[in-house]
Amino acid sequence: MNVDEYGKIIEESSIDKDGRKMLLCAKAFELSEKFGISLKDIGQYCSDNGIRISMCQLGCFE
């Protein structure tokens, strides 16, 4: 899966809160498992595209 494909999945899974895109940490883990996207790649995509990972359960994305 390339960055365009998983980027689309991440974008569609993000929520808009107060005009800002956010991805719940639990959702990041779910996407990683379901689509085989590494958490590192998800975190990097979010950082590069202004998506904040919120409610991090392990401190991985703080």
PDB file of N, CA and C in Angstrom:
ATOM      1  N   MET A   1       0.863  -1.174   0.000  1.00  0.00           N
ATOM      2  CA  MET A   1       0.000   0.000   0.000  1.00  0.00           C
ATOM      3  C   MET A   1       0.909   1.237   0.000  1.00  0.00           C
ATOM      4  N   ASN A   2       0.609   2.178  -0.877  1.00  0.00           N
ATOM      5  CA  ASN A   2       1.447   3.371  -0.954  1.00  0.00           C
ATOM      6  C   ASN A   2       0.842   4.517  -0.137  1.00  0.00           C
ATOM      7  N   VAL A   3       1.598   5.592  -0.035  1.00  0.00           N
ATOM      8  CA  VAL A   3       1.194   6.723   0.811  1.00  0.00           C
ATOM      9  C   VAL A   3      -0.130   7.342   0.351  1.00  0.00           C
ATOM     10  N   ASP A   4      -0.394   7.364  -0.940  1.00  0.00           N
ATOM     11  CA  ASP A   4      -1.671   7.907  -1.415  1.00  0.00           C
ATOM     12  C   ASP A   4      -2.844   7.057  -0.944  1.00  0.00           C
ATOM     13  N   GLU A   5      -2.664   5.745  -0.984  1.00  0.00           N
ATOM     14  CA  GLU A   5      -3.728   4.835  -0.558  1.00  0.00           C
ATOM     15  C   GLU A   5      -3.974   4.925   0.938  1.00  0.00           C
ATOM     16  N   TYR A   6      -2.906   4.823   1.722  1.00  0.00           N
ATOM     17  CA  TYR A   6      -3.148   4.872   3.168  1.00  0.00           C
ATOM     18  C   TYR A   6      -3.449   6.283   3.649  1.00  0.00           C
ATOM     19  N   GLY A   7      -2.970   7.289   2.915  1.00  0.00           N
ATOM     20  CA  GLY A   7      -3.318   8.668   3.252  1.00  0.00           C
ATOM     21  C   GLY A   7      -4.822   8.896   3.146  1.00  0.00           C
ATOM     22  N   LYS A   8      -5.412   8.347   2.097  1.00  0.00           N
ATOM     23  CA  LYS A   8      -6.857   8.467   1.909  1.00  0.00           C
ATOM     24  C   LYS A   8      -7.607   7.796   3.065  1.00  0.00           C
ATOM     25  N   ILE A   9      -7.131   6.640   3.491  1.00  0.00           N
ATOM     26  CA  ILE A   9      -7.750   5.915   4.613  1.00  0.00           C
ATOM     27  C   ILE A   9      -7.647   6.744   5.889  1.00  0.00           C
ATOM     28  N   ILE A  10      -6.485   7.315   6.141  1.00  0.00           N
ATOM     29  CA  ILE A  10      -6.279   8.125   7.341  1.00  0.00           C
ATOM     30  C   ILE A  10      -7.163   9.367   7.297  1.00  0.00           C
ATOM     31  N   GLU A  11      -7.188  10.031   6.157  1.00  0.00           N
ATOM     32  CA  GLU A  11      -8.019  11.233   6.013  1.00  0.00           C
ATOM     33  C   GLU A  11      -9.494  10.914   6.271  1.00  0.00           C
ATOM     34  N   GLU A  12      -9.971   9.817   5.700  1.00  0.00           N
ATOM     35  CA  GLU A  12     -11.376   9.436   5.872  1.00  0.00           C
ATOM     36  C   GLU A  12     -11.696   9.030   7.300  1.00  0.00           C
ATOM     37  N   SER A  13     -10.694   8.576   8.037  1.00  0.00           N
ATOM     38  CA  SER A  13     -10.892   8.137   9.415  1.00  0.00           C
ATOM     39  C   SER A  13     -10.734   9.270  10.425  1.00  0.00           C
ATOM     40  N   SER A  14     -10.228  10.401   9.959  1.00  0.00           N
ATOM     41  CA  SER A  14     -10.030  11.561  10.827  1.00  0.00           C
ATOM     42  C   SER A  14     -11.368  12.253  11.074  1.00  0.00           C
ATOM     43  N   ILE A  15     -11.425  12.951  12.190  1.00  0.00           N
ATOM     44  CA  ILE A  15     -12.616  13.741  12.502  1.00  0.00           C
ATOM     45  C   ILE A  15     -12.234  15.212  12.476  1.00  0.00           C
ATOM     46  N   ASP A  16     -13.206  16.041  12.217  1.00  0.00           N
ATOM     47  CA  ASP A  16     -12.989  17.477  12.208  1.00  0.00           C
ATOM     48  C   ASP A  16     -13.531  18.041  13.513  1.00  0.00           C
ATOM     49  N   LYS A  17     -12.652  18.644  14.301  1.00  0.00           N
ATOM     50  CA  LYS A  17     -13.064  19.213  15.580  1.00  0.00           C
ATOM     51  C   LYS A  17     -12.573  20.648  15.643  1.00  0.00           C
ATOM     52  N   ASP A  18     -13.505  21.567  15.731  1.00  0.00           N
ATOM     53  CA  ASP A  18     -13.173  22.986  15.790  1.00  0.00           C
ATOM     54  C   ASP A  18     -12.289  23.422  14.621  1.00  0.00           C
ATOM     55  N   GLY A  19     -12.580  22.890  13.436  1.00  0.00           N
ATOM     56  CA  GLY A  19     -11.844  23.262  12.243  1.00  0.00           C
ATOM     57  C   GLY A  19     -10.475  22.622  12.126  1.00  0.00           C
ATOM     58  N   ARG A  20     -10.219  21.630  12.947  1.00  0.00           N
ATOM     59  CA  ARG A  20      -8.916  20.964  12.939  1.00  0.00           C
ATOM     60  C   ARG A  20      -9.108  19.461  12.796  1.00  0.00           C
ATOM     61  N   LYS A  21      -8.296  18.824  11.957  1.00  0.00           N
ATOM     62  CA  LYS A  21      -8.401  17.379  11.773  1.00  0.00           C
ATOM     63  C   LYS A  21      -7.723  16.649  12.922  1.00  0.00           C
ATOM     64  N   MET A  22      -8.395  15.603  13.395  1.00  0.00           N
ATOM     65  CA  MET A  22      -7.863  14.792  14.485  1.00  0.00           C
ATOM     66  C   MET A  22      -8.099  13.322  14.181  1.00  0.00           C
ATOM     67  N   LEU A  23      -7.195  12.490  14.652  1.00  0.00           N
ATOM     68  CA  LEU A  23      -7.330  11.050  14.548  1.00  0.00           C
ATOM     69  C   LEU A  23      -7.162  10.489  15.949  1.00  0.00           C
ATOM     70  N   LEU A  24      -8.155   9.757  16.402  1.00  0.00           N
ATOM     71  CA  LEU A  24      -8.051   9.150  17.726  1.00  0.00           C
ATOM     72  C   LEU A  24      -6.960   8.083  17.711  1.00  0.00           C
ATOM     73  N   CYS A  25      -6.207   8.006  18.774  1.00  0.00           N
ATOM     74  CA  CYS A  25      -5.125   7.039  18.883  1.00  0.00           C
ATOM     75  C   CYS A  25      -5.656   5.613  18.678  1.00  0.00           C
ATOM     76  N   ALA A  26      -6.771   5.299  19.284  1.00  0.00           N
ATOM     77  CA  ALA A  26      -7.339   3.957  19.136  1.00  0.00           C
ATOM     78  C   ALA A  26      -7.645   3.667  17.668  1.00  0.00           C
ATOM     79  N   LYS A  27      -8.065   4.683  16.928  1.00  0.00           N
ATOM     80  CA  LYS A  27      -8.343   4.525  15.502  1.00  0.00           C
ATOM     81  C   LYS A  27      -7.048   4.280  14.740  1.00  0.00           C
ATOM     82  N   ALA A  28      -5.966   4.945  15.129  1.00  0.00           N
ATOM     83  CA  ALA A  28      -4.668   4.720  14.487  1.00  0.00           C
ATOM     84  C   ALA A  28      -4.237   3.266  14.657  1.00  0.00           C
ATOM     85  N   PHE A  29      -4.402   2.724  15.852  1.00  0.00           N
ATOM     86  CA  PHE A  29      -4.061   1.328  16.096  1.00  0.00           C
ATOM     87  C   PHE A  29      -4.950   0.403  15.272  1.00  0.00           C
ATOM     88  N   GLU A  30      -6.234   0.734  15.180  1.00  0.00           N
ATOM     89  CA  GLU A  30      -7.179  -0.060  14.395  1.00  0.00           C
ATOM     90  C   GLU A  30      -6.784  -0.068  12.911  1.00  0.00           C
ATOM     91  N   LEU A  31      -6.457   1.107  12.369  1.00  0.00           N
ATOM     92  CA  LEU A  31      -6.048   1.195  10.972  1.00  0.00           C
ATOM     93  C   LEU A  31      -4.760   0.416  10.722  1.00  0.00           C
ATOM     94  N   SER A  32      -3.836   0.506  11.654  1.00  0.00           N
ATOM     95  CA  SER A  32      -2.577  -0.213  11.530  1.00  0.00           C
ATOM     96  C   SER A  32      -2.817  -1.710  11.413  1.00  0.00           C
ATOM     97  N   GLU A  33      -3.650  -2.219  12.285  1.00  0.00           N
ATOM     98  CA  GLU A  33      -3.924  -3.658  12.287  1.00  0.00           C
ATOM     99  C   GLU A  33      -4.739  -4.077  11.059  1.00  0.00           C
ATOM    100  N   LYS A  34      -5.765  -3.325  10.740  1.00  0.00           N
ATOM    101  CA  LYS A  34      -6.675  -3.688   9.656  1.00  0.00           C
ATOM    102  C   LYS A  34      -6.027  -3.607   8.273  1.00  0.00           C
ATOM    103  N   PHE A  35      -5.207  -2.559   8.056  1.00  0.00           N
ATOM    104  CA  PHE A  35      -4.653  -2.319   6.724  1.00  0.00           C
ATOM    105  C   PHE A  35      -3.148  -2.590   6.618  1.00  0.00           C
ATOM    106  N   GLY A  36      -2.524  -2.968   7.730  1.00  0.00           N
ATOM    107  CA  GLY A  36      -1.098  -3.267   7.706  1.00  0.00           C
ATOM    108  C   GLY A  36      -0.225  -2.036   7.530  1.00  0.00           C
ATOM    109  N   ILE A  37      -0.706  -0.893   8.003  1.00  0.00           N
ATOM    110  CA  ILE A  37       0.064   0.351   7.942  1.00  0.00           C
ATOM    111  C   ILE A  37       0.811   0.481   9.265  1.00  0.00           C
ATOM    112  N   SER A  38       2.096   0.729   9.216  1.00  0.00           N
ATOM    113  CA  SER A  38       2.843   0.852  10.473  1.00  0.00           C
ATOM    114  C   SER A  38       2.387   2.097  11.235  1.00  0.00           C
ATOM    115  N   LEU A  39       2.462   2.010  12.551  1.00  0.00           N
ATOM    116  CA  LEU A  39       2.116   3.175  13.374  1.00  0.00           C
ATOM    117  C   LEU A  39       3.051   4.340  13.075  1.00  0.00           C
ATOM    118  N   LYS A  40       4.281   4.032  12.752  1.00  0.00           N
ATOM    119  CA  LYS A  40       5.244   5.077  12.386  1.00  0.00           C
ATOM    120  C   LYS A  40       4.772   5.813  11.132  1.00  0.00           C
ATOM    121  N   ASP A  41       4.313   5.074  10.129  1.00  0.00           N
ATOM    122  CA  ASP A  41       3.825   5.691   8.899  1.00  0.00           C
ATOM    123  C   ASP A  41       2.569   6.517   9.150  1.00  0.00           C
ATOM    124  N   ILE A  42       1.690   6.014   9.990  1.00  0.00           N
ATOM    125  CA  ILE A  42       0.481   6.772  10.330  1.00  0.00           C
ATOM    126  C   ILE A  42       0.863   8.064  11.029  1.00  0.00           C
ATOM    127  N   GLY A  43       1.743   7.970  12.011  1.00  0.00           N
ATOM    128  CA  GLY A  43       2.194   9.161  12.738  1.00  0.00           C
ATOM    129  C   GLY A  43       2.871  10.161  11.830  1.00  0.00           C
ATOM    130  N   GLN A  44       3.708   9.675  10.911  1.00  0.00           N
ATOM    131  CA  GLN A  44       4.408  10.565   9.985  1.00  0.00           C
ATOM    132  C   GLN A  44       3.435  11.239   9.040  1.00  0.00           C
ATOM    133  N   TYR A  45       2.475  10.478   8.521  1.00  0.00           N
ATOM    134  CA  TYR A  45       1.478  11.061   7.619  1.00  0.00           C
ATOM    135  C   TYR A  45       0.703  12.157   8.349  1.00  0.00           C
ATOM    136  N   CYS A  46       0.293  11.862   9.566  1.00  0.00           N
ATOM    137  CA  CYS A  46      -0.465  12.852  10.331  1.00  0.00           C
ATOM    138  C   CYS A  46       0.367  14.104  10.588  1.00  0.00           C
ATOM    139  N   SER A  47       1.612  13.933  10.964  1.00  0.00           N
ATOM    140  CA  SER A  47       2.495  15.087  11.196  1.00  0.00           C
ATOM    141  C   SER A  47       2.660  15.918   9.930  1.00  0.00           C
ATOM    142  N   ASP A  48       2.857  15.255   8.823  1.00  0.00           N
ATOM    143  CA  ASP A  48       3.085  15.944   7.555  1.00  0.00           C
ATOM    144  C   ASP A  48       1.840  16.644   7.024  1.00  0.00           C
ATOM    145  N   ASN A  49       0.661  16.212   7.479  1.00  0.00           N
ATOM    146  CA  ASN A  49      -0.587  16.724   6.916  1.00  0.00           C
ATOM    147  C   ASN A  49      -1.467  17.442   7.929  1.00  0.00           C
ATOM    148  N   GLY A  50      -0.892  17.829   9.057  1.00  0.00           N
ATOM    149  CA  GLY A  50      -1.610  18.637  10.036  1.00  0.00           C
ATOM    150  C   GLY A  50      -2.756  17.928  10.742  1.00  0.00           C
ATOM    151  N   ILE A  51      -2.652  16.617  10.877  1.00  0.00           N
ATOM    152  CA  ILE A  51      -3.670  15.853  11.597  1.00  0.00           C
ATOM    153  C   ILE A  51      -3.121  15.541  12.980  1.00  0.00           C
ATOM    154  N   ARG A  52      -3.833  15.947  13.995  1.00  0.00           N
ATOM    155  CA  ARG A  52      -3.391  15.723  15.368  1.00  0.00           C
ATOM    156  C   ARG A  52      -3.921  14.383  15.858  1.00  0.00           C
ATOM    157  N   ILE A  53      -3.049  13.572  16.417  1.00  0.00           N
ATOM    158  CA  ILE A  53      -3.485  12.312  17.015  1.00  0.00           C
ATOM    159  C   ILE A  53      -3.843  12.615  18.460  1.00  0.00           C
ATOM    160  N   SER A  54      -5.075  12.290  18.828  1.00  0.00           N
ATOM    161  CA  SER A  54      -5.570  12.668  20.150  1.00  0.00           C
ATOM    162  C   SER A  54      -5.925  11.440  20.986  1.00  0.00           C
ATOM    163  N   MET A  55      -6.032  11.700  22.271  1.00  0.00           N
ATOM    164  CA  MET A  55      -6.400  10.680  23.261  1.00  0.00           C
ATOM    165  C   MET A  55      -5.440   9.470  23.179  1.00  0.00           C
ATOM    166  N   CYS A  56      -4.149   9.778  23.113  1.00  0.00           N
ATOM    167  CA  CYS A  56      -3.143   8.719  22.970  1.00  0.00           C
ATOM    168  C   CYS A  56      -3.098   7.863  24.227  1.00  0.00           C
ATOM    169  N   GLN A  57      -3.294   6.593  24.030  1.00  0.00           N
ATOM    170  CA  GLN A  57      -3.380   5.670  25.161  1.00  0.00           C
ATOM    171  C   GLN A  57      -2.026   5.224  25.693  1.00  0.00           C
ATOM    172  N   LEU A  58      -0.971   5.322  24.880  1.00  0.00           N
ATOM    173  CA  LEU A  58       0.342   4.863  25.333  1.00  0.00           C
ATOM    174  C   LEU A  58       1.411   5.947  25.323  1.00  0.00           C
ATOM    175  N   GLY A  59       1.052   7.146  24.922  1.00  0.00           N
ATOM    176  CA  GLY A  59       2.038   8.210  24.823  1.00  0.00           C
ATOM    177  C   GLY A  59       2.871   8.141  23.564  1.00  0.00           C
ATOM    178  N   CYS A  60       2.503   7.287  22.627  1.00  0.00           N
ATOM    179  CA  CYS A  60       3.276   7.119  21.391  1.00  0.00           C
ATOM    180  C   CYS A  60       3.266   8.366  20.524  1.00  0.00           C
ATOM    181  N   PHE A  61       2.190   9.113  20.542  1.00  0.00           N
ATOM    182  CA  PHE A  61       2.025  10.216  19.609  1.00  0.00           C
ATOM    183  C   PHE A  61       2.022  11.564  20.297  1.00  0.00           C
ATOM    184  N   GLU A  62       2.475  11.643  21.502  1.00  0.00           N
ATOM    185  CA  GLU A  62       2.465  12.926  22.235  1.00  0.00           C
ATOM    186  C   GLU A  62       3.654  13.758  21.827  1.00  0.00           C
TER     187      GLU A  62
END
